[in-house]
């Protein structure tokens, strides 16, 4: 399985580059990429059109569809992936649970995507996508569609209920993204819980 970390956003709401924010002994991007490297055979960082200092052993990927947001990043990662299935997350989701990524990799078999529903909402940036999604993705991107969840009506999408993930993370912190400085400060202060690393 390939791991894809989305890091191409401009962090406008945050006000500074989230990928390089301090976390643990390094930064957010290194934290997320390091966790994926424990369960993925390769880790790619979808960087959009910018340049980032990448952790060792991680490969950076530029967007093919410029300015296409997360859907463009997922597309670029899948195009570059060496394996037919990829787990996708974002650089501002430091509580990613590697075991949950493995589970999604198992659940996507026979489908084009396996996507959690948490609190009634899609979690498109904590999901597995197969390279079989690419034709539908490219059709949407060519028509100007940028929202990831618009893809799901065009592919075989397996919905994964949130309760499945509580065995790995009872508080479902793996789905937290750090959109604002307040989010970051709280997450950094609280740190991991329930055996998270």
C-alpha atoms as a PDB file:
ATOM      1  CA  UNK A   1       0.000   0.000   0.000  1.00  0.00           C
ATOM      2  CA  UNK A   2       1.117   3.522  -0.791  1.00  0.00           C
ATOM      3  CA  UNK A   3       0.709   6.290   1.776  1.00  0.00           C
ATOM      4  CA  UNK A   4      -0.147   9.747   0.463  1.00  0.00           C
ATOM      5  CA  UNK A   5       0.164  12.836   2.660  1.00  0.00           C
ATOM      6  CA  UNK A   6      -1.523  15.955   1.322  1.00  0.00           C
ATOM      7  CA  UNK A   7       0.623  19.026   1.982  1.00  0.00           C
ATOM      8  CA  UNK A   8      -0.135  21.300  -0.952  1.00  0.00           C
ATOM      9  CA  UNK A   9      -2.487  23.706   0.791  1.00  0.00           C
ATOM     10  CA  UNK A  10      -1.606  27.320   1.499  1.00  0.00           C
ATOM     11  CA  UNK A  11      -2.820  27.203   5.138  1.00  0.00           C
ATOM     12  CA  UNK A  12      -4.675  30.511   4.650  1.00  0.00           C
ATOM     13  CA  UNK A  13      -6.951  30.001   7.651  1.00  0.00           C
ATOM     14  CA  UNK A  14      -3.998  29.064   9.806  1.00  0.00           C
ATOM     15  CA  UNK A  15      -1.760  31.917   8.740  1.00  0.00           C
ATOM     16  CA  UNK A  16       1.461  29.911   8.386  1.00  0.00           C
ATOM     17  CA  UNK A  17       2.639  26.668   6.796  1.00  0.00           C
ATOM     18  CA  UNK A  18       1.147  23.804   8.810  1.00  0.00           C
ATOM     19  CA  UNK A  19       3.471  21.165   7.353  1.00  0.00           C
ATOM     20  CA  UNK A  20       6.470  22.675   9.138  1.00  0.00           C
ATOM     21  CA  UNK A  21       4.849  23.353  12.518  1.00  0.00           C
ATOM     22  CA  UNK A  22       6.789  21.806  15.433  1.00  0.00           C
ATOM     23  CA  UNK A  23       5.451  18.460  16.623  1.00  0.00           C
ATOM     24  CA  UNK A  24       7.186  15.953  18.872  1.00  0.00           C
ATOM     25  CA  UNK A  25      10.851  15.833  17.903  1.00  0.00           C
ATOM     26  CA  UNK A  26      10.190  17.248  14.449  1.00  0.00           C
ATOM     27  CA  UNK A  27       7.278  18.785  12.564  1.00  0.00           C
ATOM     28  CA  UNK A  28       3.731  17.859  11.566  1.00  0.00           C
ATOM     29  CA  UNK A  29       4.626  16.534   8.113  1.00  0.00           C
ATOM     30  CA  UNK A  30       7.377  14.351   9.558  1.00  0.00           C
ATOM     31  CA  UNK A  31       5.020  13.039  12.247  1.00  0.00           C
ATOM     32  CA  UNK A  32       2.357  11.969   9.765  1.00  0.00           C
ATOM     33  CA  UNK A  33       4.798  10.597   7.174  1.00  0.00           C
ATOM     34  CA  UNK A  34       6.658   8.669   9.881  1.00  0.00           C
ATOM     35  CA  UNK A  35       3.474   6.985  11.072  1.00  0.00           C
ATOM     36  CA  UNK A  36       2.474   6.003   7.544  1.00  0.00           C
ATOM     37  CA  UNK A  37       5.931   4.598   6.873  1.00  0.00           C
ATOM     38  CA  UNK A  38       5.307   1.961   9.560  1.00  0.00           C
ATOM     39  CA  UNK A  39       2.474   0.399   7.529  1.00  0.00           C
ATOM     40  CA  UNK A  40       2.924   1.614   3.930  1.00  0.00           C
ATOM     41  CA  UNK A  41       5.437   0.320   1.403  1.00  0.00           C
ATOM     42  CA  UNK A  42       6.089   3.851   0.145  1.00  0.00           C
ATOM     43  CA  UNK A  43       5.112   7.324   1.320  1.00  0.00           C
ATOM     44  CA  UNK A  44       4.431  10.179  -1.093  1.00  0.00           C
ATOM     45  CA  UNK A  45       3.796  13.826  -0.238  1.00  0.00           C
ATOM     46  CA  UNK A  46       1.455  15.665  -2.590  1.00  0.00           C
ATOM     47  CA  UNK A  47       2.979  19.150  -2.522  1.00  0.00           C
ATOM     48  CA  UNK A  48       0.793  21.009  -4.995  1.00  0.00           C
ATOM     49  CA  UNK A  49       3.012  23.489  -6.768  1.00  0.00           C
ATOM     50  CA  UNK A  50       5.355  24.274  -3.896  1.00  0.00           C
ATOM     51  CA  UNK A  51       8.594  22.886  -2.494  1.00  0.00           C
ATOM     52  CA  UNK A  52       9.006  21.322   0.934  1.00  0.00           C
ATOM     53  CA  UNK A  53      11.890  19.813   2.832  1.00  0.00           C
ATOM     54  CA  UNK A  54      10.847  16.177   3.018  1.00  0.00           C
ATOM     55  CA  UNK A  55      11.658  13.492   5.579  1.00  0.00           C
ATOM     56  CA  UNK A  56      14.173  10.854   4.500  1.00  0.00           C
ATOM     57  CA  UNK A  57      12.720   8.127   2.308  1.00  0.00           C
ATOM     58  CA  UNK A  58       9.674  10.195   1.313  1.00  0.00           C
ATOM     59  CA  UNK A  59       9.028  11.312  -2.269  1.00  0.00           C
ATOM     60  CA  UNK A  60       7.382  14.594  -3.217  1.00  0.00           C
ATOM     61  CA  UNK A  61       4.763  14.787  -5.979  1.00  0.00           C
ATOM     62  CA  UNK A  62       3.585  17.894  -7.848  1.00  0.00           C
ATOM     63  CA  UNK A  63      -0.040  18.374  -8.894  1.00  0.00           C
ATOM     64  CA  UNK A  64      -0.996  17.503 -12.440  1.00  0.00           C
ATOM     65  CA  UNK A  65      -4.151  19.628 -12.189  1.00  0.00           C
ATOM     66  CA  UNK A  66      -2.909  22.913 -10.759  1.00  0.00           C
ATOM     67  CA  UNK A  67      -5.009  24.512  -8.044  1.00  0.00           C
ATOM     68  CA  UNK A  68      -7.401  21.568  -7.824  1.00  0.00           C
ATOM     69  CA  UNK A  69      -7.280  21.275  -4.032  1.00  0.00           C
ATOM     70  CA  UNK A  70      -7.322  17.938  -2.196  1.00  0.00           C
ATOM     71  CA  UNK A  71      -8.886  16.080  -5.129  1.00  0.00           C
ATOM     72  CA  UNK A  72      -5.965  17.203  -7.300  1.00  0.00           C
ATOM     73  CA  UNK A  73      -3.502  16.089  -4.623  1.00  0.00           C
ATOM     74  CA  UNK A  74      -5.092  12.659  -4.301  1.00  0.00           C
ATOM     75  CA  UNK A  75      -5.084  12.323  -8.088  1.00  0.00           C
ATOM     76  CA  UNK A  76      -1.387  13.236  -8.322  1.00  0.00           C
ATOM     77  CA  UNK A  77      -0.523  10.775  -5.559  1.00  0.00           C
ATOM     78  CA  UNK A  78      -2.473   7.927  -7.144  1.00  0.00           C
ATOM     79  CA  UNK A  79      -0.867   8.648 -10.527  1.00  0.00           C
ATOM     80  CA  UNK A  80       2.583   8.346  -8.915  1.00  0.00           C
ATOM     81  CA  UNK A  81       1.770   5.405  -6.632  1.00  0.00           C
ATOM     82  CA  UNK A  82       3.674   2.148  -7.086  1.00  0.00           C
ATOM     83  CA  UNK A  83       0.796   0.129  -5.603  1.00  0.00           C
ATOM     84  CA  UNK A  84      -2.879  -0.210  -6.579  1.00  0.00           C
ATOM     85  CA  UNK A  85      -4.192   1.051  -3.227  1.00  0.00           C
ATOM     86  CA  UNK A  86      -3.270   4.199  -1.308  1.00  0.00           C
ATOM     87  CA  UNK A  87      -4.148   5.445   2.135  1.00  0.00           C
ATOM     88  CA  UNK A  88      -4.615   9.212   2.031  1.00  0.00           C
ATOM     89  CA  UNK A  89      -4.382  11.688   4.885  1.00  0.00           C
ATOM     90  CA  UNK A  90      -3.310  15.293   5.436  1.00  0.00           C
ATOM     91  CA  UNK A  91      -0.213  16.788   7.012  1.00  0.00           C
ATOM     92  CA  UNK A  92      -2.332  18.466   9.711  1.00  0.00           C
ATOM     93  CA  UNK A  93      -3.771  15.196  11.083  1.00  0.00           C
ATOM     94  CA  UNK A  94      -1.051  14.143  13.566  1.00  0.00           C
ATOM     95  CA  UNK A  95      -3.127  11.556  15.433  1.00  0.00           C
ATOM     96  CA  UNK A  96      -3.423   9.243  12.416  1.00  0.00           C
ATOM     97  CA  UNK A  97      -3.659   5.640  13.621  1.00  0.00           C
ATOM     98  CA  UNK A  98      -1.548   3.334  11.420  1.00  0.00           C
ATOM     99  CA  UNK A  99      -3.648   0.277  12.342  1.00  0.00           C
ATOM    100  CA  UNK A 100      -6.758   2.049  11.067  1.00  0.00           C
ATOM    101  CA  UNK A 101      -5.006   2.725   7.764  1.00  0.00           C
ATOM    102  CA  UNK A 102      -4.284  -0.995   7.458  1.00  0.00           C
ATOM    103  CA  UNK A 103      -7.926  -1.799   8.164  1.00  0.00           C
ATOM    104  CA  UNK A 104      -9.092   0.582   5.449  1.00  0.00           C
ATOM    105  CA  UNK A 105      -6.617  -1.028   3.073  1.00  0.00           C
ATOM    106  CA  UNK A 106      -8.318  -4.365   3.751  1.00  0.00           C
ATOM    107  CA  UNK A 107     -11.823  -2.916   3.421  1.00  0.00           C
ATOM    108  CA  UNK A 108     -11.178  -1.287   0.046  1.00  0.00           C
ATOM    109  CA  UNK A 109     -10.697  -4.681  -1.633  1.00  0.00           C
ATOM    110  CA  UNK A 110     -13.470  -5.036  -4.226  1.00  0.00           C
ATOM    111  CA  UNK A 111     -14.180  -1.294  -4.151  1.00  0.00           C
ATOM    112  CA  UNK A 112     -12.616   1.872  -5.558  1.00  0.00           C
ATOM    113  CA  UNK A 113     -12.554   3.607  -2.178  1.00  0.00           C
ATOM    114  CA  UNK A 114     -13.187   2.926   1.510  1.00  0.00           C
ATOM    115  CA  UNK A 115     -14.215   6.135   3.271  1.00  0.00           C
ATOM    116  CA  UNK A 116     -15.201   6.667   6.920  1.00  0.00           C
ATOM    117  CA  UNK A 117     -18.367   8.492   7.942  1.00  0.00           C
ATOM    118  CA  UNK A 118     -17.793  10.274  11.254  1.00  0.00           C
ATOM    119  CA  UNK A 119     -20.549  12.244  13.031  1.00  0.00           C
ATOM    120  CA  UNK A 120     -22.593  11.979   9.848  1.00  0.00           C
ATOM    121  CA  UNK A 121     -19.885  13.467   7.633  1.00  0.00           C
ATOM    122  CA  UNK A 122     -17.420  12.024   5.151  1.00  0.00           C
ATOM    123  CA  UNK A 123     -13.760  11.816   6.197  1.00  0.00           C
ATOM    124  CA  UNK A 124     -12.230  12.020   2.700  1.00  0.00           C
ATOM    125  CA  UNK A 125      -8.727  12.750   3.996  1.00  0.00           C
ATOM    126  CA  UNK A 126      -8.572   9.629   6.154  1.00  0.00           C
ATOM    127  CA  UNK A 127      -9.505   7.080   3.516  1.00  0.00           C
ATOM    128  CA  UNK A 128      -8.220   4.493   1.073  1.00  0.00           C
ATOM    129  CA  UNK A 129      -8.451   5.004  -2.666  1.00  0.00           C
ATOM    130  CA  UNK A 130      -7.607   2.532  -5.419  1.00  0.00           C
ATOM    131  CA  UNK A 131      -5.977   3.562  -8.672  1.00  0.00           C
ATOM    132  CA  UNK A 132      -9.205   2.379 -10.333  1.00  0.00           C
ATOM    133  CA  UNK A 133     -10.613   5.779  -9.192  1.00  0.00           C
ATOM    134  CA  UNK A 134      -8.411   7.645 -11.621  1.00  0.00           C
ATOM    135  CA  UNK A 135     -10.696   7.730 -14.698  1.00  0.00           C
ATOM    136  CA  UNK A 136     -13.605   9.110 -12.655  1.00  0.00           C
ATOM    137  CA  UNK A 137     -11.296  11.585 -10.887  1.00  0.00           C
ATOM    138  CA  UNK A 138      -9.926  12.871 -14.160  1.00  0.00           C
ATOM    139  CA  UNK A 139     -13.402  13.287 -15.634  1.00  0.00           C
ATOM    140  CA  UNK A 140     -14.421  15.387 -12.615  1.00  0.00           C
ATOM    141  CA  UNK A 141     -11.198  17.401 -12.579  1.00  0.00           C
ATOM    142  CA  UNK A 142     -11.526  18.090 -16.315  1.00  0.00           C
ATOM    143  CA  UNK A 143     -15.006  19.479 -15.639  1.00  0.00           C
ATOM    144  CA  UNK A 144     -13.754  21.746 -12.851  1.00  0.00           C
ATOM    145  CA  UNK A 145     -14.981  19.712  -9.868  1.00  0.00           C
ATOM    146  CA  UNK A 146     -12.698  20.087  -6.823  1.00  0.00           C
ATOM    147  CA  UNK A 147     -14.588  18.507  -3.902  1.00  0.00           C
ATOM    148  CA  UNK A 148     -13.434  15.016  -3.011  1.00  0.00           C
ATOM    149  CA  UNK A 149     -16.845  13.771  -1.890  1.00  0.00           C
ATOM    150  CA  UNK A 150     -18.291  14.578  -5.337  1.00  0.00           C
ATOM    151  CA  UNK A 151     -16.255  11.588  -6.501  1.00  0.00           C
ATOM    152  CA  UNK A 152     -18.153   9.062  -4.410  1.00  0.00           C
ATOM    153  CA  UNK A 153     -21.250   8.953  -6.607  1.00  0.00           C
ATOM    154  CA  UNK A 154     -19.086   7.963  -9.581  1.00  0.00           C
ATOM    155  CA  UNK A 155     -17.159   5.048  -8.072  1.00  0.00           C
ATOM    156  CA  UNK A 156     -17.724   1.930  -5.973  1.00  0.00           C
ATOM    157  CA  UNK A 157     -17.378   3.545  -2.571  1.00  0.00           C
ATOM    158  CA  UNK A 158     -17.483   1.521   0.636  1.00  0.00           C
ATOM    159  CA  UNK A 159     -18.806   3.547   3.569  1.00  0.00           C
ATOM    160  CA  UNK A 160     -17.058   2.661   6.831  1.00  0.00           C
ATOM    161  CA  UNK A 161     -18.954   3.591  10.036  1.00  0.00           C
ATOM    162  CA  UNK A 162     -17.146   5.464  12.788  1.00  0.00           C
ATOM    163  CA  UNK A 163     -17.658   2.709  15.373  1.00  0.00           C
ATOM    164  CA  UNK A 164     -15.185   0.547  13.459  1.00  0.00           C
ATOM    165  CA  UNK A 165     -12.405   2.960  14.435  1.00  0.00           C
ATOM    166  CA  UNK A 166     -13.105   3.210  18.159  1.00  0.00           C
ATOM    167  CA  UNK A 167     -11.106   0.020  18.773  1.00  0.00           C
ATOM    168  CA  UNK A 168      -7.998   1.960  17.671  1.00  0.00           C
ATOM    169  CA  UNK A 169      -8.921   5.354  19.090  1.00  0.00           C
ATOM    170  CA  UNK A 170     -11.938   5.585  21.451  1.00  0.00           C
ATOM    171  CA  UNK A 171     -12.108   9.390  21.131  1.00  0.00           C
ATOM    172  CA  UNK A 172     -11.648   9.287  17.330  1.00  0.00           C
ATOM    173  CA  UNK A 173      -8.842  11.829  17.549  1.00  0.00           C
ATOM    174  CA  UNK A 174      -7.368  10.319  14.395  1.00  0.00           C
ATOM    175  CA  UNK A 175      -9.915  12.371  12.465  1.00  0.00           C
ATOM    176  CA  UNK A 176      -8.867  15.710  14.002  1.00  0.00           C
ATOM    177  CA  UNK A 177      -7.363  18.230  11.636  1.00  0.00           C
ATOM    178  CA  UNK A 178      -5.624  21.349  12.841  1.00  0.00           C
ATOM    179  CA  UNK A 179      -7.271  24.117  10.866  1.00  0.00           C
ATOM    180  CA  UNK A 180      -6.593  27.017  13.213  1.00  0.00           C
ATOM    181  CA  UNK A 181      -3.855  28.083  15.637  1.00  0.00           C
ATOM    182  CA  UNK A 182      -6.302  27.269  18.442  1.00  0.00           C
ATOM    183  CA  UNK A 183      -6.706  23.709  17.154  1.00  0.00           C
ATOM    184  CA  UNK A 184      -2.943  23.326  17.031  1.00  0.00           C
ATOM    185  CA  UNK A 185      -2.386  24.770  20.487  1.00  0.00           C
ATOM    186  CA  UNK A 186      -5.015  22.478  22.046  1.00  0.00           C
ATOM    187  CA  UNK A 187      -3.738  19.376  20.273  1.00  0.00           C
ATOM    188  CA  UNK A 188      -0.125  20.192  21.083  1.00  0.00           C
ATOM    189  CA  UNK A 189      -0.988  20.829  24.735  1.00  0.00           C
ATOM    190  CA  UNK A 190      -3.185  17.746  25.156  1.00  0.00           C
ATOM    191  CA  UNK A 191      -0.853  15.388  23.290  1.00  0.00           C
ATOM    192  CA  UNK A 192      -1.662  11.754  22.521  1.00  0.00           C
ATOM    193  CA  UNK A 193      -4.194   9.844  24.580  1.00  0.00           C
ATOM    194  CA  UNK A 194      -5.212   6.221  25.063  1.00  0.00           C
ATOM    195  CA  UNK A 195      -1.857   4.821  24.030  1.00  0.00           C
ATOM    196  CA  UNK A 196      -1.544   6.869  20.839  1.00  0.00           C
ATOM    197  CA  UNK A 197       1.984   7.592  19.711  1.00  0.00           C
END
